[in-house]
Amino acid sequence: MGATKTEHFTDKQNAVAALAKALGHPARVAIVEYLLSVDSCICGDIVNELPLAQPTVSQHLKELKSAGIIKGEIEGNAICYCVDETAIEKLQDYFASVAAILHKKKSNCC
């Protein structure tokens, strides 16, 4: 398999791609949706909501946290997770700019 050659793309393109990749699994989308429905929660709360084992949920949380979509604070012996608004704003800005370009073009592509 070839190299990804991410250095050939802008920082913004790489950032959006990293966020999209992190959201590229339905379990991670479900985790984000769950976190949006509560103020904050610990991993055990998420495990109770999803049909996945605790280690699998932890791995998905790790991917989301690594991408910056969620953040976590240690509370006692547990980590309390919540959605990082900054990452969501980056995605919102990107898709708003795409929508604006499409609206402006109003072409009949395909």
PDB file of N, CA and C in Angstrom:
ATOM      1  N   MET A   1       0.847  -1.177   0.000  1.00  0.00           N
ATOM      2  CA  MET A   1       0.000   0.000   0.000  1.00  0.00           C
ATOM      3  C   MET A   1       0.892   1.239   0.000  1.00  0.00           C
ATOM      4  N   GLY A   2       0.512   2.242  -0.772  1.00  0.00           N
ATOM      5  CA  GLY A   2       1.312   3.454  -0.899  1.00  0.00           C
ATOM      6  C   GLY A   2       1.157   4.394   0.278  1.00  0.00           C
ATOM      7  N   ALA A   3       2.035   5.365   0.330  1.00  0.00           N
ATOM      8  CA  ALA A   3       1.979   6.382   1.381  1.00  0.00           C
ATOM      9  C   ALA A   3       0.797   7.308   1.131  1.00  0.00           C
ATOM     10  N   THR A   4       0.291   7.907   2.184  1.00  0.00           N
ATOM     11  CA  THR A   4      -0.871   8.781   2.050  1.00  0.00           C
ATOM     12  C   THR A   4      -0.520  10.142   1.473  1.00  0.00           C
ATOM     13  N   LYS A   5       0.729  10.538   1.595  1.00  0.00           N
ATOM     14  CA  LYS A   5       1.214  11.807   1.059  1.00  0.00           C
ATOM     15  C   LYS A   5       0.417  13.006   1.566  1.00  0.00           C
ATOM     16  N   THR A   6       0.089  13.001   2.851  1.00  0.00           N
ATOM     17  CA  THR A   6      -0.687  14.092   3.427  1.00  0.00           C
ATOM     18  C   THR A   6       0.043  15.424   3.356  1.00  0.00           C
ATOM     19  N   GLU A   7       1.360  15.387   3.215  1.00  0.00           N
ATOM     20  CA  GLU A   7       2.119  16.634   3.141  1.00  0.00           C
ATOM     21  C   GLU A   7       1.804  17.420   1.873  1.00  0.00           C
ATOM     22  N   HIS A   8       1.151  16.796   0.909  1.00  0.00           N
ATOM     23  CA  HIS A   8       0.794  17.469  -0.343  1.00  0.00           C
ATOM     24  C   HIS A   8      -0.516  18.255  -0.233  1.00  0.00           C
ATOM     25  N   PHE A   9      -1.148  18.206   0.929  1.00  0.00           N
ATOM     26  CA  PHE A   9      -2.433  18.859   1.122  1.00  0.00           C
ATOM     27  C   PHE A   9      -2.312  19.930   2.200  1.00  0.00           C
ATOM     28  N   THR A  10      -3.246  20.859   2.199  1.00  0.00           N
ATOM     29  CA  THR A  10      -3.195  21.954   3.166  1.00  0.00           C
ATOM     30  C   THR A  10      -3.495  21.441   4.576  1.00  0.00           C
ATOM     31  N   ASP A  11      -3.115  22.253   5.549  1.00  0.00           N
ATOM     32  CA  ASP A  11      -3.415  21.907   6.941  1.00  0.00           C
ATOM     33  C   ASP A  11      -4.916  21.774   7.138  1.00  0.00           C
ATOM     34  N   LYS A  12      -5.675  22.658   6.515  1.00  0.00           N
ATOM     35  CA  LYS A  12      -7.144  22.614   6.649  1.00  0.00           C
ATOM     36  C   LYS A  12      -7.699  21.329   6.047  1.00  0.00           C
ATOM     37  N   GLN A  13      -7.204  20.943   4.874  1.00  0.00           N
ATOM     38  CA  GLN A  13      -7.671  19.705   4.245  1.00  0.00           C
ATOM     39  C   GLN A  13      -7.344  18.496   5.113  1.00  0.00           C
ATOM     40  N   ASN A  14      -6.151  18.464   5.663  1.00  0.00           N
ATOM     41  CA  ASN A  14      -5.769  17.355   6.545  1.00  0.00           C
ATOM     42  C   ASN A  14      -6.610  17.335   7.818  1.00  0.00           C
ATOM     43  N   ALA A  15      -6.915  18.511   8.361  1.00  0.00           N
ATOM     44  CA  ALA A  15      -7.716  18.587   9.588  1.00  0.00           C
ATOM     45  C   ALA A  15      -9.139  18.093   9.345  1.00  0.00           C
ATOM     46  N   VAL A  16      -9.743  18.536   8.253  1.00  0.00           N
ATOM     47  CA  VAL A  16     -11.104  18.098   7.929  1.00  0.00           C
ATOM     48  C   VAL A  16     -11.121  16.591   7.676  1.00  0.00           C
ATOM     49  N   ALA A  17     -10.121  16.090   6.968  1.00  0.00           N
ATOM     50  CA  ALA A  17     -10.040  14.662   6.686  1.00  0.00           C
ATOM     51  C   ALA A  17      -9.907  13.843   7.971  1.00  0.00           C
ATOM     52  N   ALA A  18      -9.120  14.324   8.922  1.00  0.00           N
ATOM     53  CA  ALA A  18      -8.947  13.617  10.192  1.00  0.00           C
ATOM     54  C   ALA A  18     -10.263  13.564  10.969  1.00  0.00           C
ATOM     55  N   LEU A  19     -10.997  14.668  10.966  1.00  0.00           N
ATOM     56  CA  LEU A  19     -12.293  14.694  11.649  1.00  0.00           C
ATOM     57  C   LEU A  19     -13.276  13.754  10.966  1.00  0.00           C
ATOM     58  N   ALA A  20     -13.310  13.793   9.636  1.00  0.00           N
ATOM     59  CA  ALA A  20     -14.220  12.936   8.883  1.00  0.00           C
ATOM     60  C   ALA A  20     -13.869  11.458   9.089  1.00  0.00           C
ATOM     61  N   LYS A  21     -12.593  11.150   9.110  1.00  0.00           N
ATOM     62  CA  LYS A  21     -12.160   9.769   9.326  1.00  0.00           C
ATOM     63  C   LYS A  21     -12.610   9.279  10.698  1.00  0.00           C
ATOM     64  N   ALA A  22     -12.461  10.128  11.697  1.00  0.00           N
ATOM     65  CA  ALA A  22     -12.868   9.746  13.052  1.00  0.00           C
ATOM     66  C   ALA A  22     -14.373   9.500  13.129  1.00  0.00           C
ATOM     67  N   LEU A  23     -15.137  10.199  12.323  1.00  0.00           N
ATOM     68  CA  LEU A  23     -16.590  10.016  12.305  1.00  0.00           C
ATOM     69  C   LEU A  23     -17.015   8.954  11.299  1.00  0.00           C
ATOM     70  N   GLY A  24     -16.047   8.272  10.688  1.00  0.00           N
ATOM     71  CA  GLY A  24     -16.326   7.312   9.641  1.00  0.00           C
ATOM     72  C   GLY A  24     -16.795   5.949  10.117  1.00  0.00           C
ATOM     73  N   HIS A  25     -17.191   5.828  11.354  1.00  0.00           N
ATOM     74  CA  HIS A  25     -17.710   4.562  11.873  1.00  0.00           C
ATOM     75  C   HIS A  25     -19.024   4.859  12.597  1.00  0.00           C
ATOM     76  N   PRO A  26     -20.061   4.063  12.343  1.00  0.00           N
ATOM     77  CA  PRO A  26     -21.361   4.353  12.970  1.00  0.00           C
ATOM     78  C   PRO A  26     -21.333   4.334  14.494  1.00  0.00           C
ATOM     79  N   ALA A  27     -20.459   3.545  15.085  1.00  0.00           N
ATOM     80  CA  ALA A  27     -20.370   3.535  16.549  1.00  0.00           C
ATOM     81  C   ALA A  27     -19.879   4.883  17.060  1.00  0.00           C
ATOM     82  N   ARG A  28     -18.953   5.497  16.338  1.00  0.00           N
ATOM     83  CA  ARG A  28     -18.435   6.806  16.763  1.00  0.00           C
ATOM     84  C   ARG A  28     -19.488   7.884  16.582  1.00  0.00           C
ATOM     85  N   VAL A  29     -20.264   7.789  15.524  1.00  0.00           N
ATOM     86  CA  VAL A  29     -21.373   8.727  15.335  1.00  0.00           C
ATOM     87  C   VAL A  29     -22.370   8.562  16.476  1.00  0.00           C
ATOM     88  N   ALA A  30     -22.661   7.319  16.844  1.00  0.00           N
ATOM     89  CA  ALA A  30     -23.586   7.056  17.958  1.00  0.00           C
ATOM     90  C   ALA A  30     -23.037   7.610  19.269  1.00  0.00           C
ATOM     91  N   ILE A  31     -21.742   7.494  19.475  1.00  0.00           N
ATOM     92  CA  ILE A  31     -21.129   8.032  20.696  1.00  0.00           C
ATOM     93  C   ILE A  31     -21.278   9.548  20.732  1.00  0.00           C
ATOM     94  N   VAL A  32     -20.991  10.219  19.630  1.00  0.00           N
ATOM     95  CA  VAL A  32     -21.131  11.684  19.579  1.00  0.00           C
ATOM     96  C   VAL A  32     -22.579  12.071  19.840  1.00  0.00           C
ATOM     97  N   GLU A  33     -23.523  11.374  19.208  1.00  0.00           N
ATOM     98  CA  GLU A  33     -24.942  11.687  19.419  1.00  0.00           C
ATOM     99  C   GLU A  33     -25.336  11.481  20.884  1.00  0.00           C
ATOM    100  N   TYR A  34     -24.829  10.419  21.499  1.00  0.00           N
ATOM    101  CA  TYR A  34     -25.128  10.188  22.910  1.00  0.00           C
ATOM    102  C   TYR A  34     -24.557  11.298  23.777  1.00  0.00           C
ATOM    103  N   LEU A  35     -23.306  11.673  23.510  1.00  0.00           N
ATOM    104  CA  LEU A  35     -22.686  12.744  24.300  1.00  0.00           C
ATOM    105  C   LEU A  35     -23.431  14.062  24.135  1.00  0.00           C
ATOM    106  N   LEU A  36     -24.000  14.291  22.963  1.00  0.00           N
ATOM    107  CA  LEU A  36     -24.781  15.508  22.751  1.00  0.00           C
ATOM    108  C   LEU A  36     -26.105  15.483  23.532  1.00  0.00           C
ATOM    109  N   SER A  37     -26.588  14.292  23.822  1.00  0.00           N
ATOM    110  CA  SER A  37     -27.871  14.173  24.522  1.00  0.00           C
ATOM    111  C   SER A  37     -27.735  14.278  26.042  1.00  0.00           C
ATOM    112  N   VAL A  38     -26.488  14.224  26.542  1.00  0.00           N
ATOM    113  CA  VAL A  38     -26.228  14.335  27.980  1.00  0.00           C
ATOM    114  C   VAL A  38     -25.198  15.444  28.204  1.00  0.00           C
ATOM    115  N   ASP A  39     -25.083  15.905  29.433  1.00  0.00           N
ATOM    116  CA  ASP A  39     -24.097  16.949  29.729  1.00  0.00           C
ATOM    117  C   ASP A  39     -22.681  16.402  29.657  1.00  0.00           C
ATOM    118  N   SER A  40     -22.453  15.278  30.249  1.00  0.00           N
ATOM    119  CA  SER A  40     -21.168  14.588  30.200  1.00  0.00           C
ATOM    120  C   SER A  40     -21.418  13.175  30.700  1.00  0.00           C
ATOM    121  N   CYS A  41     -20.484  12.286  30.429  1.00  0.00           N
ATOM    122  CA  CYS A  41     -20.676  10.920  30.899  1.00  0.00           C
ATOM    123  C   CYS A  41     -19.337  10.209  31.010  1.00  0.00           C
ATOM    124  N   ILE A  42     -19.367   9.066  31.634  1.00  0.00           N
ATOM    125  CA  ILE A  42     -18.175   8.239  31.723  1.00  0.00           C
ATOM    126  C   ILE A  42     -18.312   7.086  30.737  1.00  0.00           C
ATOM    127  N   CYS A  43     -17.234   6.412  30.482  1.00  0.00           N
ATOM    128  CA  CYS A  43     -17.211   5.326  29.509  1.00  0.00           C
ATOM    129  C   CYS A  43     -18.297   4.294  29.795  1.00  0.00           C
ATOM    130  N   GLY A  44     -18.505   3.969  31.059  1.00  0.00           N
ATOM    131  CA  GLY A  44     -19.521   2.975  31.423  1.00  0.00           C
ATOM    132  C   GLY A  44     -20.908   3.359  30.971  1.00  0.00           C
ATOM    133  N   ASP A  45     -21.233   4.649  30.992  1.00  0.00           N
ATOM    134  CA  ASP A  45     -22.530   5.117  30.512  1.00  0.00           C
ATOM    135  C   ASP A  45     -22.685   4.809  29.028  1.00  0.00           C
ATOM    136  N   ILE A  46     -21.633   5.045  28.274  1.00  0.00           N
ATOM    137  CA  ILE A  46     -21.671   4.820  26.831  1.00  0.00           C
ATOM    138  C   ILE A  46     -21.782   3.324  26.543  1.00  0.00           C
ATOM    139  N   VAL A  47     -21.061   2.511  27.300  1.00  0.00           N
ATOM    140  CA  VAL A  47     -21.124   1.060  27.118  1.00  0.00           C
ATOM    141  C   VAL A  47     -22.544   0.565  27.306  1.00  0.00           C
ATOM    142  N   ASN A  48     -23.261   1.145  28.259  1.00  0.00           N
ATOM    143  CA  ASN A  48     -24.644   0.738  28.514  1.00  0.00           C
ATOM    144  C   ASN A  48     -25.584   1.147  27.383  1.00  0.00           C
ATOM    145  N   GLU A  49     -25.190   2.130  26.585  1.00  0.00           N
ATOM    146  CA  GLU A  49     -26.031   2.628  25.495  1.00  0.00           C
ATOM    147  C   GLU A  49     -25.780   1.936  24.160  1.00  0.00           C
ATOM    148  N   LEU A  50     -24.611   1.342  24.000  1.00  0.00           N
ATOM    149  CA  LEU A  50     -24.242   0.745  22.715  1.00  0.00           C
ATOM    150  C   LEU A  50     -24.143  -0.769  22.818  1.00  0.00           C
ATOM    151  N   PRO A  51     -24.396  -1.457  21.709  1.00  0.00           N
ATOM    152  CA  PRO A  51     -24.288  -2.917  21.714  1.00  0.00           C
ATOM    153  C   PRO A  51     -22.844  -3.379  21.481  1.00  0.00           C
ATOM    154  N   LEU A  52     -21.911  -2.768  22.208  1.00  0.00           N
ATOM    155  CA  LEU A  52     -20.490  -3.065  22.039  1.00  0.00           C
ATOM    156  C   LEU A  52     -19.856  -3.341  23.390  1.00  0.00           C
ATOM    157  N   ALA A  53     -18.790  -4.120  23.374  1.00  0.00           N
ATOM    158  CA  ALA A  53     -18.054  -4.417  24.599  1.00  0.00           C
ATOM    159  C   ALA A  53     -17.284  -3.184  25.055  1.00  0.00           C
ATOM    160  N   GLN A  54     -16.984  -3.141  26.342  1.00  0.00           N
ATOM    161  CA  GLN A  54     -16.277  -1.996  26.921  1.00  0.00           C
ATOM    162  C   GLN A  54     -14.944  -1.717  26.226  1.00  0.00           C
ATOM    163  N   PRO A  55     -14.120  -2.723  25.923  1.00  0.00           N
ATOM    164  CA  PRO A  55     -12.856  -2.412  25.236  1.00  0.00           C
ATOM    165  C   PRO A  55     -13.063  -1.791  23.853  1.00  0.00           C
ATOM    166  N   THR A  56     -14.110  -2.218  23.163  1.00  0.00           N
ATOM    167  CA  THR A  56     -14.410  -1.660  21.836  1.00  0.00           C
ATOM    168  C   THR A  56     -14.840  -0.202  21.961  1.00  0.00           C
ATOM    169  N   VAL A  57     -15.692   0.086  22.932  1.00  0.00           N
ATOM    170  CA  VAL A  57     -16.119   1.466  23.167  1.00  0.00           C
ATOM    171  C   VAL A  57     -14.910   2.323  23.534  1.00  0.00           C
ATOM    172  N   SER A  58     -14.039   1.805  24.367  1.00  0.00           N
ATOM    173  CA  SER A  58     -12.837   2.553  24.752  1.00  0.00           C
ATOM    174  C   SER A  58     -11.967   2.873  23.541  1.00  0.00           C
ATOM    175  N   GLN A  59     -11.848   1.932  22.620  1.00  0.00           N
ATOM    176  CA  GLN A  59     -11.051   2.170  21.411  1.00  0.00           C
ATOM    177  C   GLN A  59     -11.690   3.264  20.551  1.00  0.00           C
ATOM    178  N   HIS A  60     -13.012   3.242  20.427  1.00  0.00           N
ATOM    179  CA  HIS A  60     -13.702   4.284  19.664  1.00  0.00           C
ATOM    180  C   HIS A  60     -13.546   5.644  20.347  1.00  0.00           C
ATOM    181  N   LEU A  61     -13.631   5.671  21.662  1.00  0.00           N
ATOM    182  CA  LEU A  61     -13.422   6.920  22.404  1.00  0.00           C
ATOM    183  C   LEU A  61     -12.013   7.447  22.175  1.00  0.00           C
ATOM    184  N   LYS A  62     -11.048   6.545  22.150  1.00  0.00           N
ATOM    185  CA  LYS A  62      -9.655   6.933  21.911  1.00  0.00           C
ATOM    186  C   LYS A  62      -9.514   7.592  20.541  1.00  0.00           C
ATOM    187  N   GLU A  63     -10.143   7.026  19.520  1.00  0.00           N
ATOM    188  CA  GLU A  63     -10.084   7.594  18.165  1.00  0.00           C
ATOM    189  C   GLU A  63     -10.744   8.967  18.112  1.00  0.00           C
ATOM    190  N   LEU A  64     -11.902   9.094  18.744  1.00  0.00           N
ATOM    191  CA  LEU A  64     -12.595  10.388  18.757  1.00  0.00           C
ATOM    192  C   LEU A  64     -11.786  11.438  19.510  1.00  0.00           C
ATOM    193  N   LYS A  65     -11.179  11.029  20.605  1.00  0.00           N
ATOM    194  CA  LYS A  65     -10.380  11.969  21.397  1.00  0.00           C
ATOM    195  C   LYS A  65      -9.117  12.356  20.639  1.00  0.00           C
ATOM    196  N   SER A  66      -8.489  11.409  19.991  1.00  0.00           N
ATOM    197  CA  SER A  66      -7.279  11.673  19.215  1.00  0.00           C
ATOM    198  C   SER A  66      -7.549  12.669  18.085  1.00  0.00           C
ATOM    199  N   ALA A  67      -8.722  12.586  17.488  1.00  0.00           N
ATOM    200  CA  ALA A  67      -9.095  13.504  16.411  1.00  0.00           C
ATOM    201  C   ALA A  67      -9.550  14.861  16.944  1.00  0.00           C
ATOM    202  N   GLY A  68      -9.789  14.951  18.259  1.00  0.00           N
ATOM    203  CA  GLY A  68     -10.218  16.216  18.854  1.00  0.00           C
ATOM    204  C   GLY A  68     -11.716  16.423  18.853  1.00  0.00           C
ATOM    205  N   ILE A  69     -12.475  15.389  18.527  1.00  0.00           N
ATOM    206  CA  ILE A  69     -13.931  15.522  18.485  1.00  0.00           C
ATOM    207  C   ILE A  69     -14.524  15.493  19.884  1.00  0.00           C
ATOM    208  N   ILE A  70     -13.902  14.738  20.766  1.00  0.00           N
ATOM    209  CA  ILE A  70     -14.344  14.733  22.157  1.00  0.00           C
ATOM    210  C   ILE A  70     -13.156  15.063  23.046  1.00  0.00           C
ATOM    211  N   LYS A  71     -13.470  15.429  24.271  1.00  0.00           N
ATOM    212  CA  LYS A  71     -12.420  15.642  25.268  1.00  0.00           C
ATOM    213  C   LYS A  71     -12.872  14.950  26.542  1.00  0.00           C
ATOM    214  N   GLY A  72     -11.916  14.649  27.394  1.00  0.00           N
ATOM    215  CA  GLY A  72     -12.238  13.943  28.619  1.00  0.00           C
ATOM    216  C   GLY A  72     -11.472  14.494  29.798  1.00  0.00           C
ATOM    217  N   GLU A  73     -12.124  14.494  30.936  1.00  0.00           N
ATOM    218  CA  GLU A  73     -11.509  14.932  32.186  1.00  0.00           C
ATOM    219  C   GLU A  73     -11.570  13.789  33.187  1.00  0.00           C
ATOM    220  N   ILE A  74     -10.493  13.616  33.904  1.00  0.00           N
ATOM    221  CA  ILE A  74     -10.450  12.559  34.909  1.00  0.00           C
ATOM    222  C   ILE A  74     -11.230  13.013  36.132  1.00  0.00           C
ATOM    223  N   GLU A  75     -12.169  12.162  36.533  1.00  0.00           N
ATOM    224  CA  GLU A  75     -12.953  12.401  37.749  1.00  0.00           C
ATOM    225  C   GLU A  75     -12.867  11.140  38.588  1.00  0.00           C
ATOM    226  N   GLY A  76     -12.043  11.184  39.602  1.00  0.00           N
ATOM    227  CA  GLY A  76     -11.824   9.991  40.419  1.00  0.00           C
ATOM    228  C   GLY A  76     -11.069   8.955  39.613  1.00  0.00           C
ATOM    229  N   ASN A  77     -11.671   7.769  39.476  1.00  0.00           N
ATOM    230  CA  ASN A  77     -11.023   6.720  38.691  1.00  0.00           C
ATOM    231  C   ASN A  77     -11.693   6.541  37.323  1.00  0.00           C
ATOM    232  N   ALA A  78     -12.462   7.535  36.886  1.00  0.00           N
ATOM    233  CA  ALA A  78     -13.152   7.462  35.599  1.00  0.00           C
ATOM    234  C   ALA A  78     -12.836   8.711  34.776  1.00  0.00           C
ATOM    235  N   ILE A  79     -13.064   8.603  33.479  1.00  0.00           N
ATOM    236  CA  ILE A  79     -12.899   9.751  32.593  1.00  0.00           C
ATOM    237  C   ILE A  79     -14.280  10.192  32.135  1.00  0.00           C
ATOM    238  N   CYS A  80     -14.557  11.458  32.328  1.00  0.00           N
ATOM    239  CA  CYS A  80     -15.831  12.046  31.953  1.00  0.00           C
ATOM    240  C   CYS A  80     -15.672  12.690  30.572  1.00  0.00           C
ATOM    241  N   TYR A  81     -16.453  12.257  29.592  1.00  0.00           N
ATOM    242  CA  TYR A  81     -16.316  12.719  28.211  1.00  0.00           C
ATOM    243  C   TYR A  81     -17.394  13.720  27.829  1.00  0.00           C
ATOM    244  N   CYS A  82     -17.032  14.617  26.893  1.00  0.00           N
ATOM    245  CA  CYS A  82     -17.993  15.532  26.285  1.00  0.00           C
ATOM    246  C   CYS A  82     -17.497  15.896  24.884  1.00  0.00           C
ATOM    247  N   VAL A  83     -18.391  16.445  24.066  1.00  0.00           N
ATOM    248  CA  VAL A  83     -18.045  16.840  22.701  1.00  0.00           C
ATOM    249  C   VAL A  83     -17.255  18.138  22.742  1.00  0.00           C
ATOM    250  N   ASP A  84     -16.206  18.211  21.947  1.00  0.00           N
ATOM    251  CA  ASP A  84     -15.401  19.432  21.831  1.00  0.00           C
ATOM    252  C   ASP A  84     -16.014  20.306  20.741  1.00  0.00           C
ATOM    253  N   GLU A  85     -16.571  21.424  21.136  1.00  0.00           N
ATOM    254  CA  GLU A  85     -17.271  22.305  20.197  1.00  0.00           C
ATOM    255  C   GLU A  85     -16.364  22.824  19.083  1.00  0.00           C
ATOM    256  N   THR A  86     -15.082  22.971  19.358  1.00  0.00           N
ATOM    257  CA  THR A  86     -14.148  23.486  18.363  1.00  0.00           C
ATOM    258  C   THR A  86     -14.107  22.590  17.134  1.00  0.00           C
ATOM    259  N   ALA A  87     -14.065  21.286  17.337  1.00  0.00           N
ATOM    260  CA  ALA A  87     -14.021  20.345  16.213  1.00  0.00           C
ATOM    261  C   ALA A  87     -15.311  20.415  15.402  1.00  0.00           C
ATOM    262  N   ILE A  88     -16.424  20.515  16.088  1.00  0.00           N
ATOM    263  CA  ILE A  88     -17.711  20.582  15.398  1.00  0.00           C
ATOM    264  C   ILE A  88     -17.807  21.880  14.604  1.00  0.00           C
ATOM    265  N   GLU A  89     -17.284  22.969  15.152  1.00  0.00           N
ATOM    266  CA  GLU A  89     -17.281  24.242  14.431  1.00  0.00           C
ATOM    267  C   GLU A  89     -16.429  24.160  13.169  1.00  0.00           C
ATOM    268  N   LYS A  90     -15.312  23.436  13.231  1.00  0.00           N
ATOM    269  CA  LYS A  90     -14.472  23.261  12.039  1.00  0.00           C
ATOM    270  C   LYS A  90     -15.239  22.520  10.947  1.00  0.00           C
ATOM    271  N   LEU A  91     -15.939  21.460  11.333  1.00  0.00           N
ATOM    272  CA  LEU A  91     -16.744  20.719  10.357  1.00  0.00           C
ATOM    273  C   LEU A  91     -17.880  21.579   9.818  1.00  0.00           C
ATOM    274  N   GLN A  92     -18.511  22.329  10.694  1.00  0.00           N
ATOM    275  CA  GLN A  92     -19.607  23.208  10.287  1.00  0.00           C
ATOM    276  C   GLN A  92     -19.108  24.251   9.295  1.00  0.00           C
ATOM    277  N   ASP A  93     -17.969  24.855   9.575  1.00  0.00           N
ATOM    278  CA  ASP A  93     -17.394  25.854   8.666  1.00  0.00           C
ATOM    279  C   ASP A  93     -17.073  25.247   7.316  1.00  0.00           C
ATOM    280  N   TYR A  94     -16.487  24.048   7.329  1.00  0.00           N
ATOM    281  CA  TYR A  94     -16.125  23.393   6.076  1.00  0.00           C
ATOM    282  C   TYR A  94     -17.371  23.107   5.231  1.00  0.00           C
ATOM    283  N   PHE A  95     -18.372  22.483   5.840  1.00  0.00           N
ATOM    284  CA  PHE A  95     -19.577  22.144   5.072  1.00  0.00           C
ATOM    285  C   PHE A  95     -20.384  23.377   4.681  1.00  0.00           C
ATOM    286  N   ALA A  96     -20.329  24.429   5.474  1.00  0.00           N
ATOM    287  CA  ALA A  96     -20.987  25.683   5.094  1.00  0.00           C
ATOM    288  C   ALA A  96     -20.315  26.282   3.867  1.00  0.00           C
ATOM    289  N   SER A  97     -18.981  26.207   3.807  1.00  0.00           N
ATOM    290  CA  SER A  97     -18.285  26.744   2.636  1.00  0.00           C
ATOM    291  C   SER A  97     -18.577  25.896   1.398  1.00  0.00           C
ATOM    292  N   VAL A  98     -18.655  24.586   1.557  1.00  0.00           N
ATOM    293  CA  VAL A  98     -19.011  23.716   0.427  1.00  0.00           C
ATOM    294  C   VAL A  98     -20.425  24.037  -0.047  1.00  0.00           C
ATOM    295  N   ALA A  99     -21.354  24.180   0.875  1.00  0.00           N
ATOM    296  CA  ALA A  99     -22.736  24.485   0.525  1.00  0.00           C
ATOM    297  C   ALA A  99     -22.834  25.839  -0.176  1.00  0.00           C
ATOM    298  N   ALA A 100     -22.068  26.821   0.290  1.00  0.00           N
ATOM    299  CA  ALA A 100     -22.097  28.146  -0.329  1.00  0.00           C
ATOM    300  C   ALA A 100     -21.589  28.096  -1.770  1.00  0.00           C
ATOM    301  N   ILE A 101     -20.520  27.328  -1.993  1.00  0.00           N
ATOM    302  CA  ILE A 101     -19.987  27.186  -3.347  1.00  0.00           C
ATOM    303  C   ILE A 101     -21.004  26.504  -4.244  1.00  0.00           C
ATOM    304  N   LEU A 102     -21.625  25.444  -3.752  1.00  0.00           N
ATOM    305  CA  LEU A 102     -22.630  24.742  -4.543  1.00  0.00           C
ATOM    306  C   LEU A 102     -23.830  25.636  -4.844  1.00  0.00           C
ATOM    307  N   HIS A 103     -24.246  26.401  -3.854  1.00  0.00           N
ATOM    308  CA  HIS A 103     -25.374  27.312  -4.041  1.00  0.00           C
ATOM    309  C   HIS A 103     -25.035  28.370  -5.088  1.00  0.00           C
ATOM    310  N   LYS A 104     -23.822  28.869  -5.035  1.00  0.00           N
ATOM    311  CA  LYS A 104     -23.385  29.902  -5.967  1.00  0.00           C
ATOM    312  C   LYS A 104     -23.301  29.353  -7.397  1.00  0.00           C
ATOM    313  N   LYS A 105     -22.817  28.127  -7.538  1.00  0.00           N
ATOM    314  CA  LYS A 105     -22.648  27.530  -8.857  1.00  0.00           C
ATOM    315  C   LYS A 105     -23.991  27.189  -9.491  1.00  0.00           C
ATOM    316  N   LYS A 106     -24.894  26.630  -8.711  1.00  0.00           N
ATOM    317  CA  LYS A 106     -26.204  26.200  -9.199  1.00  0.00           C
ATOM    318  C   LYS A 106     -26.122  25.485 -10.542  1.00  0.00           C
ATOM    319  N   SER A 107     -25.122  24.655 -10.698  1.00  0.00           N
ATOM    320  CA  SER A 107     -24.958  23.933 -11.952  1.00  0.00           C
ATOM    321  C   SER A 107     -25.753  22.637 -11.941  1.00  0.00           C
ATOM    322  N   ASN A 108     -25.972  22.136 -13.103  1.00  0.00           N
ATOM    323  CA  ASN A 108     -26.686  20.877 -13.245  1.00  0.00           C
ATOM    324  C   ASN A 108     -25.687  19.766 -13.540  1.00  0.00           C
ATOM    325  N   CYS A 109     -24.750  19.592 -12.651  1.00  0.00           N
ATOM    326  CA  CYS A 109     -23.743  18.562 -12.811  1.00  0.00           C
ATOM    327  C   CYS A 109     -24.392  17.189 -12.740  1.00  0.00           C
ATOM    328  N   CYS A 110     -24.010  16.338 -13.641  1.00  0.00           N
ATOM    329  CA  CYS A 110     -24.523  14.955 -13.701  1.00  0.00           C
ATOM    330  C   CYS A 110     -26.001  14.964 -13.946  1.00  0.00           C
TER     331      CYS A 110
END
